[in-house]
Amino acid sequence: MQQQLHPPCPRRRPRRPPVSSASSPAAPYIKPQPRPPRSPAHSAQIRVQNRRREYLERNPGYFDSLEHELADPVLYDKFIRRFQTAEEREKEGREKGYSRILEVGLIRGEAKLAQLTSQQGTDPSAGEQQQEQVSSSSTSSSSWLPKPAAEDADPFIRETATGGDGFGGNGVVPETKEEGRERWNEFLRRRFVLGRDEDFDYSAVDENDELDVLERREQEDAWFDDEDPEWASDGPEDQGGGGGDEKRLEGETGIQDF
């Protein structure tokens, strides 16, 4: 009796392990990742800053105060004063008063001198001893001056002041009066939101829950997103099991006659 030969069984390819979506480089883009929950301190900080933004929206006259020039006289000179006409400067001088004109002029001159001295102190061609002398003299003479916006710890303020990327900048100067006013207002807005205006009473704003407009709007949007949709045809007639009269359709029914 002859032995019956069977055809050889085909080899099965080993199964590849499934690719984990977490290990894929595009995993964060496949499924939206929820934001980590905010800490109570972070939430309170955001609420306060939103209240300050809402205050500025309701009180645009804050930007017109001449007292803000003392925040950075050099920046004010570059954004606002250089575009003023002789009549506008004369009018502004009458509003400031003689003593305030002298004060602002002194601070502006000292700030420009400190800036020039600082640039000379970083000159690589100068000797080490000369740089140390310039650095010590500039520190002693500018300790009472307001910190320049271009050296602020906040990147947005630095970007607004320098016209660059917030990390060094390229010193772009506004070319029009409108652009200069916009840059100056952005500087004042960010400075106010961060609580840098030492002459302003922030408690009247930070403790006012009527300014929580953005927070209430976000809560309303979240409530509408969670609400189940109700169709206009869902009425008592549709829920009665067909016992009542059928609802008459009017207008377009979607049926086309040819």
Protein backbone atom coordinates (compact mmCIF):
# COMPACT_ATOMS: atom_id res chain seq x y z
CA MET A 1 0.00 0.00 0.00
CA GLN A 2 1.44 3.23 -1.09
CA GLN A 3 1.68 6.10 1.38
CA GLN A 4 -0.37 9.08 0.32
CA LEU A 5 1.60 12.27 0.20
CA HIS A 6 0.00 15.53 1.32
CA PRO A 7 1.03 18.88 -0.11
CA PRO A 8 3.19 20.87 2.26
CA CYS A 9 1.31 23.39 4.36
CA PRO A 10 2.13 27.01 3.56
CA ARG A 11 4.10 28.79 6.21
CA ARG A 12 2.22 31.39 8.09
CA ARG A 13 3.78 34.75 8.44
CA PRO A 14 4.23 35.83 12.02
CA ARG A 15 1.78 38.45 13.06
CA ARG A 16 3.15 41.88 13.67
CA PRO A 17 2.35 43.37 17.01
CA PRO A 18 -0.21 46.14 16.78
CA VAL A 19 1.25 49.61 16.64
CA SER A 20 0.42 51.48 19.76
CA SER A 21 -1.14 54.86 19.08
CA ALA A 22 0.69 56.26 22.07
CA SER A 23 4.07 55.44 20.53
CA SER A 24 3.22 56.93 17.17
CA PRO A 25 4.61 60.43 16.51
CA ALA A 26 1.19 61.53 15.23
CA ALA A 27 -0.64 60.15 18.26
CA PRO A 28 -1.36 63.57 19.82
CA TYR A 29 -2.96 64.68 16.54
CA ILE A 30 -5.17 61.60 16.07
CA LYS A 31 -7.26 62.11 19.18
CA PRO A 32 -7.74 65.45 20.90
CA GLN A 33 -5.99 65.51 24.23
CA PRO A 34 -7.82 67.30 27.05
CA ARG A 35 -5.99 70.08 28.80
CA PRO A 36 -4.69 69.29 32.25
CA PRO A 37 -6.86 70.74 35.01
CA ARG A 38 -5.84 74.14 36.28
CA SER A 39 -4.75 74.62 39.83
CA PRO A 40 -6.88 76.91 42.03
CA ALA A 41 -4.11 79.51 42.08
CA HIS A 42 -3.82 79.46 38.27
CA SER A 43 -7.60 79.74 37.85
CA ALA A 44 -7.71 82.69 40.24
CA GLN A 45 -4.90 84.41 38.33
CA ILE A 46 -6.67 83.97 35.00
CA ARG A 47 -9.93 85.28 36.48
CA VAL A 48 -8.20 88.41 37.77
CA GLN A 49 -6.46 89.09 34.47
CA ASN A 50 -9.73 88.64 32.55
CA ARG A 51 -11.39 91.14 34.87
CA ARG A 52 -8.62 93.65 34.17
CA ARG A 53 -9.03 93.17 30.41
CA GLU A 54 -12.77 93.70 30.70
CA TYR A 55 -12.15 96.86 32.73
CA LEU A 56 -10.01 98.29 29.93
CA GLU A 57 -12.70 97.44 27.39
CA ARG A 58 -15.20 99.43 29.43
CA ASN A 59 -12.81 102.28 30.24
CA PRO A 60 -10.79 103.12 27.09
CA GLY A 61 -9.93 106.51 28.57
CA TYR A 62 -7.29 104.77 30.68
CA PHE A 63 -4.93 104.83 27.69
CA ASP A 64 -5.20 108.61 27.31
CA SER A 65 -3.73 109.45 30.72
CA LEU A 66 -0.51 111.44 30.47
CA GLU A 67 0.74 109.84 33.68
CA HIS A 68 1.64 106.68 31.72
CA GLU A 69 4.54 108.47 30.05
CA LEU A 70 6.57 107.97 33.23
CA ALA A 71 6.31 104.18 32.77
CA ASP A 72 8.87 104.42 29.95
CA PRO A 73 9.61 107.96 28.66
CA VAL A 74 11.95 106.66 25.95
CA LEU A 75 9.30 104.31 24.61
CA TYR A 76 6.70 107.10 24.73
CA ASP A 77 9.05 109.34 22.80
CA LYS A 78 9.50 106.65 20.13
CA PHE A 79 5.81 105.68 19.83
CA ILE A 80 3.90 108.91 20.50
CA ARG A 81 5.93 112.08 20.87
CA ARG A 82 7.87 111.83 17.60
CA PHE A 83 4.60 111.89 15.62
CA GLN A 84 3.10 114.90 17.43
CA THR A 85 2.81 118.27 15.75
CA ALA A 86 3.99 121.48 17.41
CA GLU A 87 0.40 122.32 18.34
CA GLU A 88 -0.15 118.87 19.91
CA ARG A 89 3.04 119.14 21.96
CA GLU A 90 2.06 122.60 23.17
CA LYS A 91 -1.39 121.39 24.19
CA GLU A 92 0.08 118.37 25.98
CA GLY A 93 2.57 120.64 27.77
CA ARG A 94 -0.24 122.82 29.11
CA GLU A 95 -2.05 119.74 30.44
CA LYS A 96 1.09 118.41 32.12
CA GLY A 97 2.23 121.60 33.76
CA TYR A 98 5.72 123.03 34.02
CA SER A 99 6.88 120.76 36.88
CA ARG A 100 5.74 117.59 35.13
CA ILE A 101 7.49 118.67 31.90
CA LEU A 102 10.75 119.09 33.82
CA GLU A 103 10.31 115.72 35.56
CA VAL A 104 9.60 113.82 32.35
CA GLY A 105 12.42 115.56 30.51
CA LEU A 106 14.89 114.68 33.26
CA ILE A 107 13.83 111.02 33.34
CA ARG A 108 13.91 110.78 29.54
CA GLY A 109 17.39 112.27 29.36
CA GLU A 110 18.76 110.03 32.11
CA ALA A 111 17.14 106.95 30.56
CA LYS A 112 18.68 107.69 27.17
CA LEU A 113 22.06 108.29 28.80
CA ALA A 114 21.81 105.01 30.73
CA GLN A 115 20.87 103.18 27.54
CA LEU A 116 23.82 104.66 25.67
CA THR A 117 26.17 103.84 28.54
CA SER A 118 24.89 100.27 28.63
CA GLN A 119 25.56 99.88 24.91
CA GLN A 120 29.10 101.16 25.37
CA GLY A 121 29.61 98.72 28.23
CA THR A 122 28.83 95.81 25.91
CA ASP A 123 31.20 97.01 23.20
CA PRO A 124 33.67 94.15 22.58
CA SER A 125 36.36 96.59 21.40
CA ALA A 126 36.50 98.28 24.83
CA GLY A 127 38.86 97.00 27.48
CA GLU A 128 37.72 94.94 30.42
CA GLN A 129 38.55 97.65 32.95
CA GLN A 130 36.69 100.26 30.91
CA GLN A 131 33.62 98.02 30.68
CA GLU A 132 33.60 97.51 34.45
CA GLN A 133 33.77 101.28 35.03
CA VAL A 134 30.94 101.92 32.59
CA SER A 135 28.84 99.17 34.14
CA SER A 136 29.30 100.44 37.71
CA SER A 137 28.61 104.05 36.76
CA SER A 138 25.47 103.14 34.79
CA THR A 139 24.16 101.02 37.66
CA SER A 140 24.57 103.81 40.21
CA SER A 141 23.07 106.49 37.96
CA SER A 142 20.05 104.49 36.68
CA SER A 143 18.96 102.70 39.84
CA TRP A 144 16.09 105.17 40.37
CA LEU A 145 14.89 105.07 36.76
CA PRO A 146 11.92 102.92 35.63
CA LYS A 147 13.00 99.66 34.06
CA PRO A 148 12.93 99.91 30.24
CA ALA A 149 10.21 97.92 28.54
CA ALA A 150 12.81 96.38 26.21
CA GLU A 151 14.38 94.69 29.26
CA ASP A 152 11.13 93.53 30.85
CA ALA A 153 10.77 89.93 32.06
CA ASP A 154 7.56 89.51 30.07
CA PRO A 155 8.23 88.43 26.44
CA PHE A 156 5.12 90.20 25.11
CA ILE A 157 6.20 93.55 26.57
CA ARG A 158 9.67 93.11 25.13
CA GLU A 159 8.20 92.27 21.73
CA THR A 160 5.94 95.33 21.82
CA ALA A 161 8.83 97.58 22.80
CA THR A 162 11.41 96.25 20.35
CA GLY A 163 9.18 95.22 17.47
CA GLY A 164 10.94 91.86 17.34
CA ASP A 165 10.27 88.34 18.56
CA GLY A 166 10.52 89.09 22.27
CA PHE A 167 14.03 87.62 22.55
CA GLY A 168 16.28 90.47 21.54
CA GLY A 169 14.20 92.17 18.88
CA ASN A 170 15.36 94.11 15.87
CA GLY A 171 14.49 97.65 16.99
CA VAL A 172 11.69 98.24 14.47
CA VAL A 173 10.31 101.79 14.88
CA PRO A 174 6.66 102.59 13.99
CA GLU A 175 6.31 104.38 10.68
CA THR A 176 2.89 106.00 11.22
CA LYS A 177 1.12 107.78 14.04
CA GLU A 178 -1.59 105.13 14.17
CA GLU A 179 0.94 102.30 14.41
CA GLY A 180 2.77 104.09 17.20
CA ARG A 181 -0.44 104.61 19.18
CA GLU A 182 -1.39 100.96 18.71
CA ARG A 183 2.01 99.77 19.95
CA TRP A 184 1.85 102.11 22.95
CA ASN A 185 -1.67 100.96 23.89
CA GLU A 186 -0.61 97.31 23.66
CA PHE A 187 2.27 98.05 26.03
CA LEU A 188 -0.06 99.78 28.50
CA ARG A 189 -2.65 96.99 28.24
CA ARG A 190 -0.17 94.22 28.97
CA ARG A 191 1.41 96.27 31.75
CA PHE A 192 -1.99 96.85 33.35
CA VAL A 193 -3.06 93.21 33.12
CA LEU A 194 0.17 92.10 34.80
CA GLY A 195 -0.42 94.53 37.66
CA ARG A 196 2.55 96.80 36.89
CA ASP A 197 0.67 100.12 37.28
CA GLU A 198 1.68 101.06 40.82
CA ASP A 199 -0.56 104.16 40.86
CA PHE A 200 -3.75 102.18 40.16
CA ASP A 201 -6.03 100.64 42.81
CA TYR A 202 -6.42 97.09 41.48
CA SER A 203 -8.67 95.94 44.34
CA ALA A 204 -11.66 97.74 42.81
CA VAL A 205 -11.21 95.64 39.66
CA ASP A 206 -9.87 92.34 40.95
CA GLU A 207 -12.73 91.93 43.46
CA ASN A 208 -15.53 92.94 41.07
CA ASP A 209 -17.34 89.79 39.88
CA GLU A 210 -19.44 91.88 37.46
CA LEU A 211 -16.41 91.90 35.17
CA ASP A 212 -16.52 88.10 34.70
CA VAL A 213 -18.07 88.48 31.25
CA LEU A 214 -15.73 86.05 29.53
CA GLU A 215 -16.11 83.41 32.23
CA ARG A 216 -19.92 83.55 32.08
CA ARG A 217 -19.81 83.32 28.29
CA GLU A 218 -17.63 80.20 28.48
CA GLN A 219 -20.00 78.63 31.01
CA GLU A 220 -22.99 79.33 28.74
CA ASP A 221 -21.20 77.82 25.76
CA ALA A 222 -20.34 74.72 27.78
CA TRP A 223 -23.97 74.40 28.93
CA PHE A 224 -25.29 74.59 25.35
CA ASP A 225 -22.70 72.04 24.20
CA ASP A 226 -23.88 69.55 26.83
CA GLU A 227 -27.58 70.12 26.09
CA ASP A 228 -29.33 67.41 23.98
CA PRO A 229 -30.86 68.76 20.74
CA GLU A 230 -34.65 68.83 20.54
CA TRP A 231 -36.29 68.62 17.15
CA ALA A 232 -39.05 71.03 16.27
CA SER A 233 -41.35 68.11 15.35
CA ASP A 234 -41.03 66.53 18.81
CA GLY A 235 -44.39 67.59 20.21
CA PRO A 236 -47.34 65.99 21.96
CA GLU A 237 -48.67 64.61 18.66
CA ASP A 238 -45.44 62.62 18.06
CA GLN A 239 -45.37 61.15 21.55
CA GLY A 240 -48.95 59.92 21.70
CA GLY A 241 -48.44 56.69 19.76
CA GLY A 242 -50.20 57.84 16.61
CA GLY A 243 -53.59 58.32 18.26
CA GLY A 244 -54.01 61.92 17.17
CA ASP A 245 -54.28 63.51 13.79
CA GLU A 246 -51.21 63.51 11.62
CA LYS A 247 -49.25 66.74 11.54
CA ARG A 248 -49.80 68.61 8.33
CA LEU A 249 -46.61 69.53 6.47
CA GLU A 250 -46.46 72.88 4.79
CA GLY A 251 -43.93 74.41 2.48
CA GLU A 252 -41.21 72.38 0.79
CA THR A 253 -41.40 68.64 1.46
CA GLY A 254 -38.31 67.57 -0.45
CA ILE A 255 -40.38 65.77 -3.16
CA GLN A 256 -39.75 67.01 -6.68
CA ASP A 257 -42.30 66.51 -9.49
CA PHE A 258 -40.94 65.90 -12.95
